[in-house]
Amino acid sequence: LCPGEWVSDEVITYYFQLLRLRDRKLVSLGRKSRYNHYFNSFFFSKLGTGPSYSYGSVKRWSKKVEGKDVFNLDKIIVPVNVSNMHWCLLCVHVQERNIQYYDSLGGPGTEYLEAMRRYLSDEWSAKGKPGDFDERPWTLTPTTPETPRQRNGYDCGVFTSMCADYLSLGLELRYDQDDIKKCRRRMALKILKGAEGLDLD
């Protein structure tokens, strides 16, 4: 997490685990009514997109979801490793029926949005939900101008982690490139402290 360094998938995975622990704590305290779930960075490499899409490769992953039902969650938050060169984030705002992509370089993420909608349809059927999955209420939202942008080629992992952090708390994405050194320090401190150092704000 030193300045100028690429953030590895191990760091991303562990940081997201800390967000999940914080989320559980907030629900237990009554400050949130629904859980978020955080799939790891291998979710999309297993699920695939377009012709390589394979629901069977991740079918069992939802067994780790709180309540075993992704449709009762607040959000599904997934880091996206694009060609081992760039980190982005996809967030399913479940109760709002919105699947949104967050890319600090501005890419739309169309193939990931479509794959996630397809995953939700397959998950609906696999879990024996009534009727067919209705895609009509679901919105696919590519990266918007409000998504914070990086101004270099190496801070994408920090932008992705901060995006997940803010979204998990329902906060607006009020950070930019000028804040990233401070964000790196914040991430490093949380990781060093682990579960004992979780802040709830």
N, C-alpha and C. Protein backbone atom coordinates (compact mmCIF):
# COMPACT_ATOMS: atom_id res chain seq x y z
N LEU A 1 0.81 -1.22 0.00
CA LEU A 1 0.00 0.00 0.00
C LEU A 1 0.84 1.27 0.00
N CYS A 2 2.13 1.13 -0.33
CA CYS A 2 2.98 2.31 -0.45
C CYS A 2 2.54 3.12 -1.67
N PRO A 3 2.74 4.44 -1.64
CA PRO A 3 2.36 5.28 -2.78
C PRO A 3 2.97 4.79 -4.08
N GLY A 4 2.17 4.75 -5.13
CA GLY A 4 2.64 4.34 -6.45
C GLY A 4 2.60 2.86 -6.71
N GLU A 5 2.22 2.05 -5.69
CA GLU A 5 2.21 0.60 -5.84
C GLU A 5 0.83 0.10 -6.26
N TRP A 6 0.81 -0.92 -7.13
CA TRP A 6 -0.42 -1.62 -7.51
C TRP A 6 -0.93 -2.39 -6.29
N VAL A 7 -2.24 -2.34 -6.05
CA VAL A 7 -2.84 -3.06 -4.93
C VAL A 7 -3.15 -4.48 -5.37
N SER A 8 -2.63 -5.48 -4.65
CA SER A 8 -2.78 -6.88 -5.05
C SER A 8 -4.18 -7.40 -4.72
N ASP A 9 -4.52 -8.55 -5.31
CA ASP A 9 -5.83 -9.14 -5.03
C ASP A 9 -5.92 -9.61 -3.58
N GLU A 10 -4.78 -9.99 -2.97
CA GLU A 10 -4.81 -10.38 -1.56
C GLU A 10 -5.21 -9.21 -0.66
N VAL A 11 -4.70 -8.03 -0.97
CA VAL A 11 -5.05 -6.84 -0.19
C VAL A 11 -6.52 -6.50 -0.39
N ILE A 12 -6.97 -6.53 -1.65
CA ILE A 12 -8.38 -6.24 -1.95
C ILE A 12 -9.29 -7.23 -1.20
N THR A 13 -8.96 -8.52 -1.28
CA THR A 13 -9.79 -9.54 -0.64
C THR A 13 -9.85 -9.34 0.86
N TYR A 14 -8.72 -9.07 1.49
CA TYR A 14 -8.71 -8.90 2.94
C TYR A 14 -9.45 -7.63 3.35
N TYR A 15 -9.28 -6.57 2.60
CA TYR A 15 -9.96 -5.32 2.93
C TYR A 15 -11.48 -5.50 2.83
N PHE A 16 -11.93 -6.23 1.82
CA PHE A 16 -13.36 -6.48 1.67
C PHE A 16 -13.88 -7.37 2.81
N GLN A 17 -13.04 -8.27 3.30
CA GLN A 17 -13.44 -9.08 4.46
C GLN A 17 -13.65 -8.20 5.68
N LEU A 18 -12.82 -7.18 5.84
CA LEU A 18 -13.00 -6.25 6.94
C LEU A 18 -14.29 -5.46 6.79
N LEU A 19 -14.61 -5.07 5.56
CA LEU A 19 -15.88 -4.38 5.33
C LEU A 19 -17.06 -5.28 5.70
N ARG A 20 -16.93 -6.56 5.39
CA ARG A 20 -18.00 -7.50 5.72
C ARG A 20 -18.17 -7.63 7.24
N LEU A 21 -17.05 -7.69 7.97
CA LEU A 21 -17.12 -7.76 9.43
C LEU A 21 -17.77 -6.50 10.00
N ARG A 22 -17.41 -5.35 9.44
CA ARG A 22 -18.03 -4.10 9.90
C ARG A 22 -19.53 -4.12 9.64
N ASP A 23 -19.90 -4.62 8.48
CA ASP A 23 -21.30 -4.70 8.10
C ASP A 23 -22.09 -5.56 9.10
N ARG A 24 -21.54 -6.71 9.46
CA ARG A 24 -22.20 -7.59 10.43
C ARG A 24 -22.39 -6.86 11.76
N LYS A 25 -21.37 -6.11 12.16
CA LYS A 25 -21.44 -5.38 13.42
C LYS A 25 -22.55 -4.32 13.37
N LEU A 26 -22.65 -3.62 12.27
CA LEU A 26 -23.67 -2.58 12.14
C LEU A 26 -25.07 -3.18 12.18
N VAL A 27 -25.25 -4.34 11.56
CA VAL A 27 -26.56 -5.00 11.60
C VAL A 27 -26.87 -5.46 13.02
N SER A 28 -25.88 -6.01 13.70
CA SER A 28 -26.10 -6.50 15.07
C SER A 28 -26.45 -5.37 16.03
N LEU A 29 -25.95 -4.16 15.73
CA LEU A 29 -26.24 -2.99 16.57
C LEU A 29 -27.54 -2.30 16.17
N GLY A 30 -28.17 -2.79 15.11
CA GLY A 30 -29.42 -2.19 14.66
C GLY A 30 -29.25 -0.93 13.84
N ARG A 31 -28.02 -0.67 13.40
CA ARG A 31 -27.78 0.53 12.58
C ARG A 31 -28.00 0.27 11.10
N LYS A 32 -28.14 -1.00 10.74
CA LYS A 32 -28.52 -1.40 9.39
C LYS A 32 -29.53 -2.53 9.50
N SER A 33 -30.47 -2.58 8.56
CA SER A 33 -31.49 -3.63 8.62
C SER A 33 -31.16 -4.81 7.71
N ARG A 34 -30.33 -4.59 6.71
CA ARG A 34 -29.97 -5.65 5.77
C ARG A 34 -28.45 -5.75 5.63
N TYR A 35 -28.00 -6.95 5.32
CA TYR A 35 -26.57 -7.18 5.10
C TYR A 35 -26.16 -6.79 3.68
N ASN A 36 -24.88 -6.50 3.53
CA ASN A 36 -24.23 -6.50 2.22
C ASN A 36 -23.49 -7.82 2.09
N HIS A 37 -23.21 -8.22 0.86
CA HIS A 37 -22.33 -9.37 0.66
C HIS A 37 -21.21 -8.96 -0.28
N TYR A 38 -20.02 -9.51 0.01
CA TYR A 38 -18.82 -9.14 -0.74
C TYR A 38 -18.24 -10.39 -1.39
N PHE A 39 -18.46 -10.55 -2.69
CA PHE A 39 -17.78 -11.62 -3.41
C PHE A 39 -16.32 -11.21 -3.60
N ASN A 40 -15.43 -12.19 -3.71
CA ASN A 40 -14.02 -11.85 -3.85
C ASN A 40 -13.64 -11.58 -5.31
N SER A 41 -12.38 -11.29 -5.51
CA SER A 41 -11.91 -10.83 -6.82
C SER A 41 -11.92 -11.94 -7.88
N PHE A 42 -12.17 -13.19 -7.47
CA PHE A 42 -12.22 -14.29 -8.44
C PHE A 42 -13.63 -14.55 -8.96
N PHE A 43 -14.61 -13.82 -8.45
CA PHE A 43 -15.99 -14.08 -8.84
C PHE A 43 -16.19 -13.98 -10.34
N PHE A 44 -15.75 -12.86 -10.94
CA PHE A 44 -15.99 -12.69 -12.37
C PHE A 44 -15.06 -13.54 -13.23
N SER A 45 -13.88 -13.86 -12.72
CA SER A 45 -13.00 -14.75 -13.49
C SER A 45 -13.61 -16.15 -13.56
N LYS A 46 -14.38 -16.54 -12.54
CA LYS A 46 -15.08 -17.82 -12.55
C LYS A 46 -16.39 -17.73 -13.33
N LEU A 47 -17.15 -16.67 -13.09
CA LEU A 47 -18.45 -16.52 -13.74
C LEU A 47 -18.31 -16.32 -15.24
N GLY A 48 -17.35 -15.49 -15.63
CA GLY A 48 -17.15 -15.19 -17.04
C GLY A 48 -18.17 -14.19 -17.56
N THR A 49 -17.93 -13.73 -18.77
CA THR A 49 -18.85 -12.80 -19.44
C THR A 49 -19.05 -13.28 -20.87
N GLY A 50 -20.15 -12.82 -21.48
CA GLY A 50 -20.41 -13.18 -22.87
C GLY A 50 -20.45 -14.68 -23.07
N PRO A 51 -19.80 -15.20 -24.14
CA PRO A 51 -19.81 -16.64 -24.43
C PRO A 51 -19.16 -17.50 -23.35
N SER A 52 -18.29 -16.91 -22.54
CA SER A 52 -17.60 -17.68 -21.50
C SER A 52 -18.38 -17.72 -20.17
N TYR A 53 -19.57 -17.14 -20.17
CA TYR A 53 -20.39 -17.11 -18.96
C TYR A 53 -20.68 -18.53 -18.46
N SER A 54 -20.52 -18.75 -17.14
CA SER A 54 -20.74 -20.08 -16.57
C SER A 54 -21.29 -19.96 -15.15
N TYR A 55 -22.60 -19.94 -15.02
CA TYR A 55 -23.21 -19.86 -13.69
C TYR A 55 -22.79 -21.04 -12.82
N GLY A 56 -22.64 -22.21 -13.42
CA GLY A 56 -22.28 -23.40 -12.65
C GLY A 56 -20.98 -23.24 -11.89
N SER A 57 -20.09 -22.38 -12.37
CA SER A 57 -18.79 -22.19 -11.73
C SER A 57 -18.90 -21.44 -10.41
N VAL A 58 -20.00 -20.71 -10.21
CA VAL A 58 -20.17 -19.94 -8.97
C VAL A 58 -21.49 -20.26 -8.27
N LYS A 59 -22.16 -21.30 -8.72
CA LYS A 59 -23.49 -21.61 -8.19
C LYS A 59 -23.48 -21.76 -6.67
N ARG A 60 -22.43 -22.35 -6.14
CA ARG A 60 -22.37 -22.62 -4.70
C ARG A 60 -21.93 -21.41 -3.88
N TRP A 61 -21.47 -20.36 -4.54
CA TRP A 61 -20.92 -19.22 -3.81
C TRP A 61 -21.94 -18.53 -2.92
N SER A 62 -23.20 -18.55 -3.32
CA SER A 62 -24.21 -17.84 -2.54
C SER A 62 -24.54 -18.55 -1.23
N LYS A 63 -24.00 -19.76 -1.02
CA LYS A 63 -24.22 -20.44 0.26
C LYS A 63 -23.58 -19.69 1.41
N LYS A 64 -22.60 -18.83 1.10
CA LYS A 64 -21.95 -18.03 2.14
C LYS A 64 -22.64 -16.69 2.38
N VAL A 65 -23.68 -16.42 1.61
CA VAL A 65 -24.45 -15.19 1.78
C VAL A 65 -25.28 -15.29 3.05
N GLU A 66 -25.32 -14.22 3.82
CA GLU A 66 -26.15 -14.19 5.02
C GLU A 66 -27.60 -14.47 4.64
N GLY A 67 -28.20 -15.48 5.27
CA GLY A 67 -29.56 -15.86 4.94
C GLY A 67 -29.69 -16.70 3.70
N LYS A 68 -28.56 -16.99 3.02
CA LYS A 68 -28.52 -17.83 1.82
C LYS A 68 -29.36 -17.27 0.66
N ASP A 69 -29.72 -15.99 0.71
CA ASP A 69 -30.60 -15.42 -0.31
C ASP A 69 -30.08 -14.05 -0.73
N VAL A 70 -29.50 -13.96 -1.93
CA VAL A 70 -28.94 -12.68 -2.39
C VAL A 70 -30.02 -11.62 -2.57
N PHE A 71 -31.26 -12.03 -2.75
CA PHE A 71 -32.33 -11.06 -3.02
C PHE A 71 -32.84 -10.38 -1.75
N ASN A 72 -32.39 -10.83 -0.60
CA ASN A 72 -32.74 -10.16 0.66
C ASN A 72 -31.64 -9.22 1.15
N LEU A 73 -30.56 -9.13 0.38
CA LEU A 73 -29.44 -8.27 0.76
C LEU A 73 -29.73 -6.80 0.48
N ASP A 74 -28.91 -5.95 1.07
CA ASP A 74 -28.91 -4.53 0.70
C ASP A 74 -28.10 -4.34 -0.58
N LYS A 75 -26.86 -4.82 -0.55
CA LYS A 75 -25.97 -4.68 -1.72
C LYS A 75 -25.14 -5.94 -1.90
N ILE A 76 -24.77 -6.20 -3.15
CA ILE A 76 -23.75 -7.19 -3.50
C ILE A 76 -22.60 -6.40 -4.09
N ILE A 77 -21.43 -6.50 -3.47
CA ILE A 77 -20.29 -5.67 -3.85
C ILE A 77 -19.17 -6.58 -4.35
N VAL A 78 -18.71 -6.33 -5.58
CA VAL A 78 -17.76 -7.24 -6.22
C VAL A 78 -16.61 -6.47 -6.86
N PRO A 79 -15.36 -6.73 -6.47
CA PRO A 79 -14.23 -6.13 -7.18
C PRO A 79 -14.07 -6.83 -8.54
N VAL A 80 -13.69 -6.06 -9.55
CA VAL A 80 -13.52 -6.59 -10.90
C VAL A 80 -12.07 -6.36 -11.33
N ASN A 81 -11.37 -7.45 -11.59
CA ASN A 81 -9.99 -7.38 -12.09
C ASN A 81 -10.05 -7.49 -13.61
N VAL A 82 -9.83 -6.37 -14.28
CA VAL A 82 -9.96 -6.32 -15.74
C VAL A 82 -8.61 -6.66 -16.37
N SER A 83 -8.52 -7.86 -16.93
CA SER A 83 -7.34 -8.31 -17.67
C SER A 83 -6.05 -8.23 -16.85
N ASN A 84 -6.16 -8.38 -15.53
CA ASN A 84 -5.00 -8.28 -14.64
C ASN A 84 -4.24 -6.97 -14.79
N MET A 85 -4.98 -5.93 -15.20
CA MET A 85 -4.35 -4.62 -15.42
C MET A 85 -5.06 -3.48 -14.71
N HIS A 86 -6.29 -3.70 -14.28
CA HIS A 86 -7.08 -2.57 -13.77
C HIS A 86 -8.18 -3.08 -12.83
N TRP A 87 -8.35 -2.41 -11.70
CA TRP A 87 -9.41 -2.72 -10.75
C TRP A 87 -10.61 -1.81 -10.94
N CYS A 88 -11.79 -2.40 -10.93
CA CYS A 88 -13.05 -1.65 -10.94
C CYS A 88 -13.97 -2.29 -9.90
N LEU A 89 -15.17 -1.75 -9.78
CA LEU A 89 -16.13 -2.28 -8.83
C LEU A 89 -17.50 -2.40 -9.47
N LEU A 90 -18.20 -3.48 -9.15
CA LEU A 90 -19.60 -3.62 -9.52
C LEU A 90 -20.41 -3.76 -8.24
N CYS A 91 -21.51 -3.02 -8.17
CA CYS A 91 -22.38 -3.07 -7.00
C CYS A 91 -23.82 -3.31 -7.44
N VAL A 92 -24.42 -4.34 -6.87
CA VAL A 92 -25.84 -4.58 -7.07
C VAL A 92 -26.58 -3.92 -5.90
N HIS A 93 -27.32 -2.86 -6.20
CA HIS A 93 -28.17 -2.22 -5.19
C HIS A 93 -29.49 -3.00 -5.22
N VAL A 94 -29.53 -4.06 -4.42
CA VAL A 94 -30.56 -5.09 -4.58
C VAL A 94 -31.97 -4.54 -4.44
N GLN A 95 -32.21 -3.81 -3.39
CA GLN A 95 -33.57 -3.35 -3.13
C GLN A 95 -34.01 -2.26 -4.11
N GLU A 96 -33.05 -1.57 -4.71
CA GLU A 96 -33.35 -0.56 -5.74
C GLU A 96 -33.38 -1.16 -7.14
N ARG A 97 -33.04 -2.45 -7.25
CA ARG A 97 -33.00 -3.13 -8.55
C ARG A 97 -32.08 -2.41 -9.54
N ASN A 98 -30.91 -2.04 -9.06
CA ASN A 98 -29.94 -1.34 -9.89
C ASN A 98 -28.59 -2.04 -9.82
N ILE A 99 -28.04 -2.38 -10.97
CA ILE A 99 -26.70 -2.97 -11.06
C ILE A 99 -25.79 -1.90 -11.65
N GLN A 100 -24.81 -1.47 -10.88
CA GLN A 100 -24.01 -0.31 -11.30
C GLN A 100 -22.52 -0.63 -11.31
N TYR A 101 -21.83 -0.06 -12.29
CA TYR A 101 -20.39 -0.24 -12.48
C TYR A 101 -19.67 1.04 -12.10
N TYR A 102 -18.53 0.87 -11.44
CA TYR A 102 -17.74 2.02 -10.98
C TYR A 102 -16.30 1.83 -11.45
N ASP A 103 -15.90 2.62 -12.44
CA ASP A 103 -14.56 2.52 -13.03
C ASP A 103 -13.88 3.88 -12.91
N SER A 104 -12.77 3.93 -12.20
CA SER A 104 -12.07 5.20 -11.99
C SER A 104 -11.39 5.71 -13.26
N LEU A 105 -11.40 4.90 -14.33
CA LEU A 105 -10.93 5.39 -15.64
C LEU A 105 -12.10 5.66 -16.59
N GLY A 106 -13.31 5.42 -16.12
CA GLY A 106 -14.49 5.79 -16.89
C GLY A 106 -15.07 4.74 -17.81
N GLY A 107 -14.53 3.51 -17.81
CA GLY A 107 -15.08 2.46 -18.66
C GLY A 107 -16.50 2.08 -18.26
N PRO A 108 -17.33 1.68 -19.24
CA PRO A 108 -18.75 1.42 -18.94
C PRO A 108 -19.02 0.10 -18.24
N GLY A 109 -18.17 -0.92 -18.47
CA GLY A 109 -18.36 -2.21 -17.81
C GLY A 109 -19.57 -2.99 -18.29
N THR A 110 -19.97 -2.76 -19.54
CA THR A 110 -21.21 -3.35 -20.05
C THR A 110 -21.25 -4.87 -19.90
N GLU A 111 -20.15 -5.56 -20.23
CA GLU A 111 -20.16 -7.02 -20.19
C GLU A 111 -20.32 -7.55 -18.78
N TYR A 112 -19.79 -6.82 -17.78
CA TYR A 112 -19.93 -7.24 -16.39
C TYR A 112 -21.34 -6.98 -15.87
N LEU A 113 -21.92 -5.87 -16.28
CA LEU A 113 -23.30 -5.57 -15.90
C LEU A 113 -24.25 -6.64 -16.43
N GLU A 114 -24.07 -6.99 -17.69
CA GLU A 114 -24.95 -8.01 -18.30
C GLU A 114 -24.74 -9.38 -17.67
N ALA A 115 -23.48 -9.70 -17.35
CA ALA A 115 -23.20 -10.99 -16.71
C ALA A 115 -23.83 -11.07 -15.33
N MET A 116 -23.81 -9.96 -14.60
CA MET A 116 -24.40 -9.97 -13.27
C MET A 116 -25.92 -10.09 -13.33
N ARG A 117 -26.54 -9.43 -14.28
CA ARG A 117 -27.99 -9.59 -14.43
C ARG A 117 -28.33 -11.04 -14.78
N ARG A 118 -27.52 -11.65 -15.62
CA ARG A 118 -27.74 -13.05 -15.97
C ARG A 118 -27.54 -13.95 -14.75
N TYR A 119 -26.52 -13.63 -13.94
CA TYR A 119 -26.29 -14.38 -12.71
C TYR A 119 -27.50 -14.30 -11.79
N LEU A 120 -28.08 -13.13 -11.63
CA LEU A 120 -29.25 -12.97 -10.76
C LEU A 120 -30.42 -13.79 -11.28
N SER A 121 -30.59 -13.83 -12.59
CA SER A 121 -31.66 -14.63 -13.18
C SER A 121 -31.44 -16.12 -12.89
N ASP A 122 -30.21 -16.59 -13.07
CA ASP A 122 -29.90 -17.99 -12.81
C ASP A 122 -30.02 -18.31 -11.32
N GLU A 123 -29.62 -17.38 -10.49
CA GLU A 123 -29.70 -17.57 -9.04
C GLU A 123 -31.17 -17.66 -8.60
N TRP A 124 -32.01 -16.85 -9.20
CA TRP A 124 -33.44 -16.88 -8.91
C TRP A 124 -34.02 -18.27 -9.20
N SER A 125 -33.67 -18.80 -10.36
CA SER A 125 -34.17 -20.13 -10.74
C SER A 125 -33.59 -21.23 -9.86
N ALA A 126 -32.29 -21.15 -9.59
CA ALA A 126 -31.62 -22.19 -8.81
C ALA A 126 -32.13 -22.27 -7.38
N LYS A 127 -32.57 -21.14 -6.85
CA LYS A 127 -33.06 -21.12 -5.47
C LYS A 127 -34.56 -21.38 -5.38
N GLY A 128 -35.18 -21.72 -6.51
CA GLY A 128 -36.59 -22.08 -6.49
C GLY A 128 -37.53 -20.94 -6.21
N LYS A 129 -37.15 -19.73 -6.62
CA LYS A 129 -38.03 -18.58 -6.44
C LYS A 129 -39.27 -18.73 -7.33
N PRO A 130 -40.39 -18.14 -6.92
CA PRO A 130 -41.63 -18.31 -7.70
C PRO A 130 -41.57 -17.60 -9.05
N GLY A 131 -42.05 -18.28 -10.08
CA GLY A 131 -42.12 -17.68 -11.41
C GLY A 131 -40.75 -17.48 -12.03
N ASP A 132 -40.75 -16.82 -13.17
CA ASP A 132 -39.50 -16.51 -13.87
C ASP A 132 -38.92 -15.20 -13.33
N PHE A 133 -37.62 -15.06 -13.43
CA PHE A 133 -36.96 -13.82 -13.04
C PHE A 133 -37.39 -12.70 -14.00
N ASP A 134 -37.89 -11.61 -13.46
CA ASP A 134 -38.36 -10.48 -14.27
C ASP A 134 -37.23 -9.45 -14.39
N GLU A 135 -36.65 -9.35 -15.58
CA GLU A 135 -35.53 -8.43 -15.80
C GLU A 135 -35.99 -6.98 -15.92
N ARG A 136 -37.26 -6.76 -16.18
CA ARG A 136 -37.73 -5.41 -16.51
C ARG A 136 -37.47 -4.36 -15.43
N PRO A 137 -37.63 -4.68 -14.13
CA PRO A 137 -37.38 -3.64 -13.12
C PRO A 137 -35.90 -3.34 -12.91
N TRP A 138 -35.02 -4.18 -13.43
CA TRP A 138 -33.60 -4.04 -13.16
C TRP A 138 -32.93 -3.08 -14.13
N THR A 139 -32.19 -2.14 -13.58
CA THR A 139 -31.46 -1.15 -14.37
C THR A 139 -29.98 -1.50 -14.40
N LEU A 140 -29.37 -1.41 -15.57
CA LEU A 140 -27.93 -1.57 -15.71
C LEU A 140 -27.33 -0.18 -15.87
N THR A 141 -26.50 0.22 -14.92
CA THR A 141 -25.95 1.58 -14.92
C THR A 141 -24.44 1.54 -15.13
N PRO A 142 -23.97 1.96 -16.31
CA PRO A 142 -22.52 2.04 -16.51
C PRO A 142 -21.92 3.16 -15.67
N THR A 143 -20.61 3.25 -15.66
CA THR A 143 -19.93 4.29 -14.88
C THR A 143 -20.51 5.66 -15.17
N THR A 144 -20.84 6.40 -14.13
CA THR A 144 -21.42 7.73 -14.27
C THR A 144 -20.34 8.80 -14.04
N PRO A 145 -20.63 10.04 -14.43
CA PRO A 145 -19.66 11.12 -14.19
C PRO A 145 -19.36 11.34 -12.71
N GLU A 146 -20.26 10.89 -11.82
CA GLU A 146 -20.05 11.08 -10.39
C GLU A 146 -19.04 10.10 -9.79
N THR A 147 -18.67 9.07 -10.56
CA THR A 147 -17.67 8.12 -10.06
C THR A 147 -16.30 8.80 -10.03
N PRO A 148 -15.63 8.85 -8.88
CA PRO A 148 -14.31 9.51 -8.79
C PRO A 148 -13.31 8.92 -9.78
N ARG A 149 -12.48 9.80 -10.34
CA ARG A 149 -11.52 9.40 -11.37
C ARG A 149 -10.08 9.49 -10.86
N GLN A 150 -9.29 8.51 -11.26
CA GLN A 150 -7.86 8.55 -10.98
C GLN A 150 -7.14 9.33 -12.07
N ARG A 151 -5.96 9.86 -11.72
CA ARG A 151 -5.18 10.62 -12.69
C ARG A 151 -3.81 9.98 -12.93
N ASN A 152 -3.73 8.68 -12.69
CA ASN A 152 -2.50 7.95 -12.96
C ASN A 152 -2.85 6.51 -13.32
N GLY A 153 -1.82 5.67 -13.44
CA GLY A 153 -2.08 4.30 -13.88
C GLY A 153 -1.96 3.25 -12.80
N TYR A 154 -1.92 3.65 -11.52
CA TYR A 154 -1.66 2.66 -10.48
C TYR A 154 -2.57 2.74 -9.25
N ASP A 155 -3.44 3.73 -9.16
CA ASP A 155 -4.26 3.89 -7.96
C ASP A 155 -5.63 3.23 -8.05
N CYS A 156 -5.88 2.46 -9.09
CA CYS A 156 -7.23 1.91 -9.30
C CYS A 156 -7.68 1.03 -8.14
N GLY A 157 -6.77 0.26 -7.55
CA GLY A 157 -7.14 -0.61 -6.44
C GLY A 157 -7.60 0.16 -5.22
N VAL A 158 -6.99 1.32 -5.00
CA VAL A 158 -7.40 2.17 -3.88
C VAL A 158 -8.76 2.80 -4.17
N PHE A 159 -8.95 3.27 -5.39
CA PHE A 159 -10.26 3.81 -5.78
C PHE A 159 -11.35 2.76 -5.62
N THR A 160 -11.05 1.54 -6.05
CA THR A 160 -12.03 0.45 -5.94
C THR A 160 -12.36 0.15 -4.48
N SER A 161 -11.36 0.10 -3.64
CA SER A 161 -11.57 -0.20 -2.22
C SER A 161 -12.35 0.92 -1.53
N MET A 162 -12.02 2.17 -1.85
CA MET A 162 -12.74 3.29 -1.26
C MET A 162 -14.19 3.33 -1.73
N CYS A 163 -14.39 2.99 -2.99
CA CYS A 163 -15.75 2.94 -3.54
C CYS A 163 -16.58 1.92 -2.77
N ALA A 164 -16.01 0.73 -2.54
CA ALA A 164 -16.71 -0.30 -1.77
C ALA A 164 -16.98 0.16 -0.35
N ASP A 165 -16.00 0.80 0.25
CA ASP A 165 -16.11 1.30 1.63
C ASP A 165 -17.27 2.28 1.75
N TYR A 166 -17.29 3.27 0.87
CA TYR A 166 -18.33 4.31 0.91
C TYR A 166 -19.70 3.72 0.60
N LEU A 167 -19.79 2.91 -0.45
CA LEU A 167 -21.08 2.33 -0.83
C LEU A 167 -21.64 1.45 0.28
N SER A 168 -20.77 0.72 0.96
CA SER A 168 -21.24 -0.19 2.00
C SER A 168 -21.92 0.56 3.14
N LEU A 169 -21.55 1.81 3.32
CA LEU A 169 -22.15 2.65 4.37
C LEU A 169 -23.25 3.55 3.83
N GLY A 170 -23.53 3.44 2.53
CA GLY A 170 -24.56 4.28 1.93
C GLY A 170 -24.15 5.72 1.77
N LEU A 171 -22.85 5.97 1.63
CA LEU A 171 -22.33 7.34 1.53
C LEU A 171 -22.12 7.74 0.08
N GLU A 172 -22.20 9.05 -0.18
CA GLU A 172 -21.83 9.56 -1.50
C GLU A 172 -20.32 9.40 -1.69
N LEU A 173 -19.91 9.27 -2.94
CA LEU A 173 -18.49 9.03 -3.24
C LEU A 173 -17.73 10.34 -3.25
N ARG A 174 -17.51 10.88 -2.08
CA ARG A 174 -16.87 12.19 -1.94
C ARG A 174 -15.38 12.04 -1.63
N TYR A 175 -14.64 11.60 -2.60
CA TYR A 175 -13.18 11.53 -2.53
C TYR A 175 -12.66 11.68 -3.95
N ASP A 176 -11.40 12.07 -4.10
CA ASP A 176 -10.81 12.20 -5.43
C ASP A 176 -9.32 11.88 -5.36
N GLN A 177 -8.62 12.11 -6.44
CA GLN A 177 -7.20 11.75 -6.52
C GLN A 177 -6.38 12.39 -5.39
N ASP A 178 -6.75 13.61 -5.03
CA ASP A 178 -5.99 14.31 -3.98
C ASP A 178 -6.11 13.64 -2.62
N ASP A 179 -7.09 12.79 -2.44
CA ASP A 179 -7.30 12.11 -1.15
C ASP A 179 -6.63 10.74 -1.08
N ILE A 180 -6.08 10.26 -2.20
CA ILE A 180 -5.69 8.85 -2.28
C ILE A 180 -4.52 8.48 -1.37
N LYS A 181 -3.56 9.36 -1.18
CA LYS A 181 -2.47 9.04 -0.25
C LYS A 181 -3.03 8.80 1.15
N LYS A 182 -3.97 9.65 1.55
CA LYS A 182 -4.60 9.47 2.86
C LYS A 182 -5.41 8.18 2.89
N CYS A 183 -6.06 7.86 1.78
CA CYS A 183 -6.84 6.62 1.70
C CYS A 183 -5.94 5.39 1.81
N ARG A 184 -4.77 5.44 1.18
CA ARG A 184 -3.82 4.32 1.29
C ARG A 184 -3.42 4.11 2.76
N ARG A 185 -3.15 5.20 3.46
CA ARG A 185 -2.78 5.09 4.87
C ARG A 185 -3.93 4.51 5.69
N ARG A 186 -5.14 4.96 5.37
CA ARG A 186 -6.32 4.46 6.08
C ARG A 186 -6.50 2.96 5.87
N MET A 187 -6.33 2.52 4.62
CA MET A 187 -6.44 1.09 4.32
C MET A 187 -5.37 0.29 5.07
N ALA A 188 -4.14 0.78 5.03
CA ALA A 188 -3.03 0.08 5.69
C ALA A 188 -3.29 -0.04 7.19
N LEU A 189 -3.79 1.03 7.80
CA LEU A 189 -4.06 1.02 9.24
C LEU A 189 -5.16 0.01 9.58
N LYS A 190 -6.22 -0.02 8.76
CA LYS A 190 -7.30 -0.98 9.00
C LYS A 190 -6.80 -2.41 8.88
N ILE A 191 -5.97 -2.67 7.88
CA ILE A 191 -5.46 -4.02 7.67
C ILE A 191 -4.54 -4.44 8.82
N LEU A 192 -3.70 -3.50 9.28
CA LEU A 192 -2.80 -3.81 10.38
C LEU A 192 -3.57 -4.12 11.68
N LYS A 193 -4.63 -3.37 11.91
CA LYS A 193 -5.42 -3.57 13.12
C LYS A 193 -6.38 -4.75 13.01
N GLY A 194 -6.77 -5.08 11.76
CA GLY A 194 -7.69 -6.20 11.56
C GLY A 194 -9.05 -5.93 12.17
N ALA A 195 -9.71 -6.99 12.59
CA ALA A 195 -11.08 -6.88 13.14
C ALA A 195 -11.12 -6.02 14.39
N GLU A 196 -10.01 -5.99 15.16
CA GLU A 196 -10.00 -5.21 16.39
C GLU A 196 -10.03 -3.71 16.13
N GLY A 197 -9.62 -3.32 14.91
CA GLY A 197 -9.54 -1.89 14.61
C GLY A 197 -10.67 -1.38 13.76
N LEU A 198 -11.77 -2.13 13.66
CA LEU A 198 -12.88 -1.71 12.80
C LEU A 198 -13.52 -0.45 13.32
N ASP A 199 -13.64 0.55 12.44
CA ASP A 199 -14.44 1.72 12.76
C ASP A 199 -15.81 1.54 12.15
N LEU A 200 -16.80 2.11 12.76
CA LEU A 200 -18.18 1.91 12.29
C LEU A 200 -18.73 3.10 11.54
N ASP A 201 -17.83 4.02 11.18
CA ASP A 201 -18.24 5.20 10.41
C ASP A 201 -17.34 5.40 9.20
